[in-house]
Amino acid sequence: MDDERATIEDLSSRNGLLLNGRPVRGVAQLEDGDRLRLGVQELLISKIHKVARTRADSKQRITGFLCHCAACGVPYPTDLVECPHCGSTERADDDTLSDAKSDRNWSLELLVEVVKKAKGLGRWDDVDRILLRARANVERHVVGGHPLESRLLDEIAEAASGLSLVSSDPEWARWVLTLYEELARVPPSSALDQMANLPAQHRATLLEPANRVLDKVRARSGDGAERADELVRAVGPTLLAVQGA
């Protein structure tokens, strides 16, 4: 690695290296956003820019600091309470791995990756546990006025709605609607589809937060109205039917 680029080479390892799902042959250059798999571990490659810390910086939330888990050795953001890989709260002595500032929400990116894996394995208790940490992260950013990447939000919304569907509990779906109301956005279609498949009595409890999302989105111009209509089609008809029963 030099100041301009980072590379990786597989030195005849037993399990090999996968870069974006493909085996590494020879020396491969790493780019921002690449995914590197070493055995059972998957790493997300992200480019960060070092900056001098100032008094003004100390008042901002820094998401570029990483520490090592003392139990499994996996690096993770220092603002997480526990290791997203093994759940340990113990950290290695060399806590800070990077004195760098990044616009990316490292914590949420890691949590999204872990929740996707847990969901894929059908480990819904783990999904619930991880979503609680993701929820705290998202709400902290929203309250602080910090930007959040749409892709990450939509992944969280889909997982939360899926958990509501599996558990027949509308609480996570209600949180999704409340969050997107605050952001004046409509949840992704994948999340809405899962809400629409909740038991009728639970869908009825989503009527009020769904209407608030509609009102907030319709207050915007242009494509906001179209997304609002999408919410009506996905959730509204069933809720209205339950209401009129």
Protein backbone atom coordinates (compact mmCIF):
# COMPACT_ATOMS: atom_id res chain seq x y z
CA MET A 1 0.00 0.00 0.00
CA ASP A 2 1.19 3.53 -0.77
CA ASP A 3 -0.34 6.99 -0.48
CA GLU A 4 -2.39 6.54 -3.65
CA ARG A 5 -3.54 2.94 -3.76
CA ALA A 6 -3.88 -0.33 -1.86
CA THR A 7 -3.31 -3.79 -3.27
CA ILE A 8 -3.70 -7.35 -2.06
CA GLU A 9 -2.15 -10.65 -3.14
CA ASP A 10 -3.08 -14.23 -2.28
CA LEU A 11 0.14 -16.01 -1.25
CA SER A 12 -1.22 -19.51 -1.88
CA SER A 13 -3.57 -19.49 1.10
CA ARG A 14 -5.60 -22.62 1.79
CA ASN A 15 -9.03 -21.02 1.35
CA GLY A 16 -8.03 -18.31 -1.10
CA LEU A 17 -9.21 -14.72 -1.28
CA LEU A 18 -12.38 -13.44 -2.90
CA LEU A 19 -12.59 -9.86 -4.13
CA ASN A 20 -16.17 -8.86 -4.94
CA GLY A 21 -17.03 -12.55 -5.17
CA ARG A 22 -14.15 -13.46 -7.52
CA PRO A 23 -10.90 -15.29 -6.65
CA VAL A 24 -7.82 -13.07 -6.45
CA ARG A 25 -5.18 -13.98 -9.00
CA GLY A 26 -1.82 -12.27 -8.59
CA VAL A 27 -1.81 -8.72 -7.26
CA ALA A 28 -5.23 -7.02 -7.21
CA GLN A 29 -5.84 -3.33 -6.65
CA LEU A 30 -8.42 -2.41 -4.04
CA GLU A 31 -11.01 0.29 -4.65
CA ASP A 32 -13.42 2.14 -2.39
CA GLY A 33 -16.46 -0.06 -1.73
CA ASP A 34 -14.76 -3.37 -2.61
CA ARG A 35 -15.68 -6.44 -0.56
CA LEU A 36 -12.88 -8.78 0.44
CA ARG A 37 -13.57 -12.24 1.85
CA LEU A 38 -10.88 -14.10 3.82
CA GLY A 39 -12.19 -17.45 4.98
CA VAL A 40 -15.39 -16.69 6.90
CA GLN A 41 -14.54 -13.00 7.34
CA GLU A 42 -15.79 -10.34 4.92
CA LEU A 43 -14.17 -6.92 4.87
CA LEU A 44 -15.57 -3.74 3.37
CA ILE A 45 -12.84 -1.58 1.80
CA SER A 46 -13.44 2.14 2.32
CA LYS A 47 -11.31 5.12 1.41
CA ILE A 48 -10.86 7.68 4.15
CA HIS A 49 -9.02 10.96 4.27
CA LYS A 50 -6.79 11.94 7.16
CA VAL A 51 -7.38 15.36 8.60
CA ALA A 52 -5.83 17.43 11.35
CA ARG A 53 -8.03 17.45 14.43
CA THR A 54 -9.06 20.88 15.65
CA ARG A 55 -11.20 22.15 18.50
CA ALA A 56 -14.11 22.45 16.07
CA ASP A 57 -13.62 18.83 15.04
CA SER A 58 -13.98 17.67 18.64
CA LYS A 59 -17.58 18.90 18.63
CA GLN A 60 -18.47 16.77 15.62
CA ARG A 61 -19.22 13.10 15.65
CA ILE A 62 -16.27 11.21 14.17
CA THR A 63 -17.12 7.88 12.56
CA GLY A 64 -13.63 6.99 11.33
CA PHE A 65 -12.14 5.61 14.58
CA LEU A 66 -11.73 1.88 14.78
CA CYS A 67 -10.66 -0.46 17.57
CA HIS A 68 -9.80 -4.16 17.79
CA CYS A 69 -12.05 -6.63 19.57
CA ALA A 70 -9.99 -8.33 22.29
CA ALA A 71 -11.95 -11.57 21.86
CA CYS A 72 -11.93 -12.17 18.10
CA GLY A 73 -9.56 -9.49 16.78
CA VAL A 74 -12.08 -8.00 14.33
CA PRO A 75 -11.80 -4.20 13.89
CA TYR A 76 -14.98 -2.17 14.44
CA PRO A 77 -15.98 1.48 15.06
CA THR A 78 -15.29 2.72 18.57
CA ASP A 79 -18.80 4.17 18.95
CA LEU A 80 -20.28 0.65 19.03
CA VAL A 81 -20.73 -0.71 22.54
CA GLU A 82 -19.80 -4.25 21.55
CA CYS A 83 -18.16 -6.13 18.68
CA PRO A 84 -20.71 -6.69 15.86
CA HIS A 85 -18.99 -9.99 15.06
CA CYS A 86 -18.90 -11.79 18.42
CA GLY A 87 -20.70 -9.46 20.85
CA SER A 88 -17.71 -8.97 23.16
CA THR A 89 -17.37 -5.60 24.92
CA GLU A 90 -13.63 -6.06 25.55
CA ARG A 91 -11.22 -4.08 23.37
CA ALA A 92 -7.54 -4.61 22.67
CA ASP A 93 -5.09 -2.19 24.27
CA ASP A 94 -4.26 -0.53 20.93
CA ASP A 95 -7.77 0.95 20.73
CA THR A 96 -7.43 3.51 17.99
CA LEU A 97 -6.58 2.12 14.57
CA SER A 98 -7.34 5.18 12.50
CA ASP A 99 -7.22 8.86 13.37
CA ALA A 100 -9.32 9.68 10.34
CA LYS A 101 -12.57 11.38 9.56
CA SER A 102 -15.04 10.01 7.04
CA ASP A 103 -18.45 11.05 5.78
CA ARG A 104 -19.55 7.42 5.84
CA ASN A 105 -21.46 5.98 8.76
CA TRP A 106 -19.09 3.10 9.54
CA SER A 107 -21.19 1.79 12.43
CA LEU A 108 -24.40 1.57 10.41
CA GLU A 109 -22.63 -0.03 7.45
CA LEU A 110 -21.30 -2.80 9.69
CA LEU A 111 -24.64 -3.26 11.41
CA VAL A 112 -26.44 -3.52 8.06
CA GLU A 113 -23.99 -6.20 6.91
CA VAL A 114 -24.46 -8.19 10.12
CA VAL A 115 -28.25 -7.90 10.11
CA LYS A 116 -28.39 -9.06 6.46
CA LYS A 117 -26.36 -12.15 7.33
CA ALA A 118 -28.51 -12.89 10.39
CA LYS A 119 -31.70 -12.46 8.33
CA GLY A 120 -30.36 -14.74 5.61
CA LEU A 121 -29.70 -17.43 8.23
CA GLY A 122 -33.17 -16.98 9.74
CA ARG A 123 -31.67 -15.93 13.09
CA TRP A 124 -34.43 -13.47 13.96
CA ASP A 125 -33.42 -13.09 17.60
CA ASP A 126 -30.08 -11.79 16.37
CA VAL A 127 -31.86 -9.56 13.84
CA ASP A 128 -33.87 -8.02 16.68
CA ARG A 129 -30.74 -7.46 18.79
CA ILE A 130 -28.78 -5.87 15.95
CA LEU A 131 -31.72 -3.71 14.87
CA LEU A 132 -31.86 -2.21 18.36
CA ARG A 133 -28.29 -0.93 17.89
CA ALA A 134 -29.02 0.21 14.35
CA ARG A 135 -32.12 2.04 15.57
CA ALA A 136 -30.10 3.97 18.16
CA ASN A 137 -27.54 4.87 15.49
CA VAL A 138 -30.18 6.08 13.01
CA GLU A 139 -32.13 8.08 15.57
CA ARG A 140 -28.95 9.75 16.82
CA HIS A 141 -28.12 10.85 13.28
CA VAL A 142 -31.65 12.06 12.54
CA VAL A 143 -31.81 14.10 15.75
CA GLY A 144 -28.37 15.55 15.06
CA GLY A 145 -29.29 16.46 11.49
CA HIS A 146 -26.54 14.24 10.06
CA PRO A 147 -27.11 12.75 6.58
CA LEU A 148 -27.90 9.06 6.24
CA GLU A 149 -27.31 6.99 3.12
CA SER A 150 -30.63 5.93 1.56
CA ARG A 151 -29.34 2.44 0.80
CA LEU A 152 -28.55 1.77 4.46
CA LEU A 153 -31.88 3.16 5.63
CA ASP A 154 -33.79 1.00 3.16
CA GLU A 155 -31.87 -2.12 4.25
CA ILE A 156 -32.76 -1.39 7.87
CA ALA A 157 -36.40 -0.73 6.94
CA GLU A 158 -36.64 -4.03 5.05
CA ALA A 159 -35.10 -6.01 7.91
CA ALA A 160 -37.32 -4.30 10.51
CA SER A 161 -40.50 -4.90 8.49
CA GLY A 162 -39.44 -8.49 7.93
CA LEU A 163 -39.00 -8.95 11.66
CA SER A 164 -42.51 -7.59 12.24
CA LEU A 165 -43.89 -10.07 9.72
CA VAL A 166 -42.05 -13.07 11.18
CA SER A 167 -42.93 -12.20 14.77
CA SER A 168 -46.48 -10.98 13.99
CA ASP A 169 -45.64 -7.86 15.97
CA PRO A 170 -46.20 -4.49 14.26
CA GLU A 171 -43.83 -2.54 16.54
CA TRP A 172 -40.83 -2.55 14.16
CA ALA A 173 -43.05 -1.73 11.17
CA ARG A 174 -44.49 1.19 13.13
CA TRP A 175 -40.97 2.44 13.87
CA VAL A 176 -40.13 2.29 10.16
CA LEU A 177 -43.14 4.44 9.29
CA THR A 178 -42.32 6.92 12.04
CA LEU A 179 -38.73 7.18 10.84
CA TYR A 180 -39.69 7.78 7.22
CA GLU A 181 -42.30 10.30 8.30
CA GLU A 182 -39.52 12.26 10.01
CA LEU A 183 -37.48 12.10 6.80
CA ALA A 184 -40.49 12.92 4.58
CA ARG A 185 -39.87 9.78 2.54
CA VAL A 186 -41.80 6.62 1.71
CA PRO A 187 -40.25 3.31 2.89
CA PRO A 188 -38.94 0.97 0.17
CA SER A 189 -41.41 -1.27 -1.61
CA SER A 190 -39.84 -4.38 -0.06
CA ALA A 191 -40.68 -3.05 3.42
CA LEU A 192 -44.20 -2.03 2.39
CA ASP A 193 -44.90 -5.46 0.92
CA GLN A 194 -44.05 -7.07 4.25
CA MET A 195 -46.23 -4.60 6.15
CA ALA A 196 -49.14 -5.40 3.85
CA ASN A 197 -48.82 -9.10 4.77
CA LEU A 198 -49.09 -8.54 8.51
CA PRO A 199 -52.20 -9.96 10.25
CA ALA A 200 -55.24 -7.72 9.76
CA GLN A 201 -55.42 -6.59 13.38
CA HIS A 202 -51.79 -5.46 13.27
CA ARG A 203 -52.14 -3.70 9.93
CA ALA A 204 -54.90 -1.64 11.48
CA THR A 205 -52.45 -0.25 14.04
CA LEU A 206 -50.33 1.10 11.17
CA LEU A 207 -53.12 3.31 9.85
CA GLU A 208 -52.19 6.40 11.85
CA PRO A 209 -48.41 6.36 11.19
CA ALA A 210 -49.03 5.50 7.52
CA ASN A 211 -51.33 8.49 7.15
CA ARG A 212 -48.72 10.73 8.75
CA VAL A 213 -46.16 9.54 6.20
CA LEU A 214 -48.64 10.28 3.40
CA ASP A 215 -49.29 13.78 4.69
CA LYS A 216 -45.60 14.54 5.08
CA VAL A 217 -44.65 13.20 1.64
CA ARG A 218 -47.57 14.82 -0.15
CA ALA A 219 -46.44 18.17 1.22
CA ARG A 220 -43.47 17.82 -1.11
CA SER A 221 -43.67 18.44 -4.84
CA GLY A 222 -42.90 16.29 -7.86
CA ASP A 223 -42.14 12.63 -7.31
CA GLY A 224 -43.17 12.85 -3.65
CA ALA A 225 -46.81 12.51 -4.66
CA GLU A 226 -46.04 9.37 -6.68
CA ARG A 227 -44.28 7.73 -3.74
CA ALA A 228 -47.20 8.66 -1.51
CA ASP A 229 -49.56 6.91 -3.92
CA GLU A 230 -47.27 3.86 -3.73
CA LEU A 231 -47.80 3.74 0.01
CA VAL A 232 -51.58 3.97 -0.49
CA ARG A 233 -51.52 1.04 -2.92
CA ALA A 234 -49.29 -1.13 -0.72
CA VAL A 235 -50.77 -0.51 2.72
CA GLY A 236 -53.79 1.77 2.46
CA PRO A 237 -56.46 -0.53 0.93
CA THR A 238 -56.04 -3.24 3.55
CA LEU A 239 -55.99 -0.76 6.40
CA LEU A 240 -59.15 0.92 5.12
CA ALA A 241 -60.87 -2.47 4.78
CA VAL A 242 -59.99 -3.33 8.39
CA GLN A 243 -61.16 0.08 9.55
CA GLY A 244 -64.52 -0.36 7.84
CA ALA A 245 -65.08 -3.91 9.11
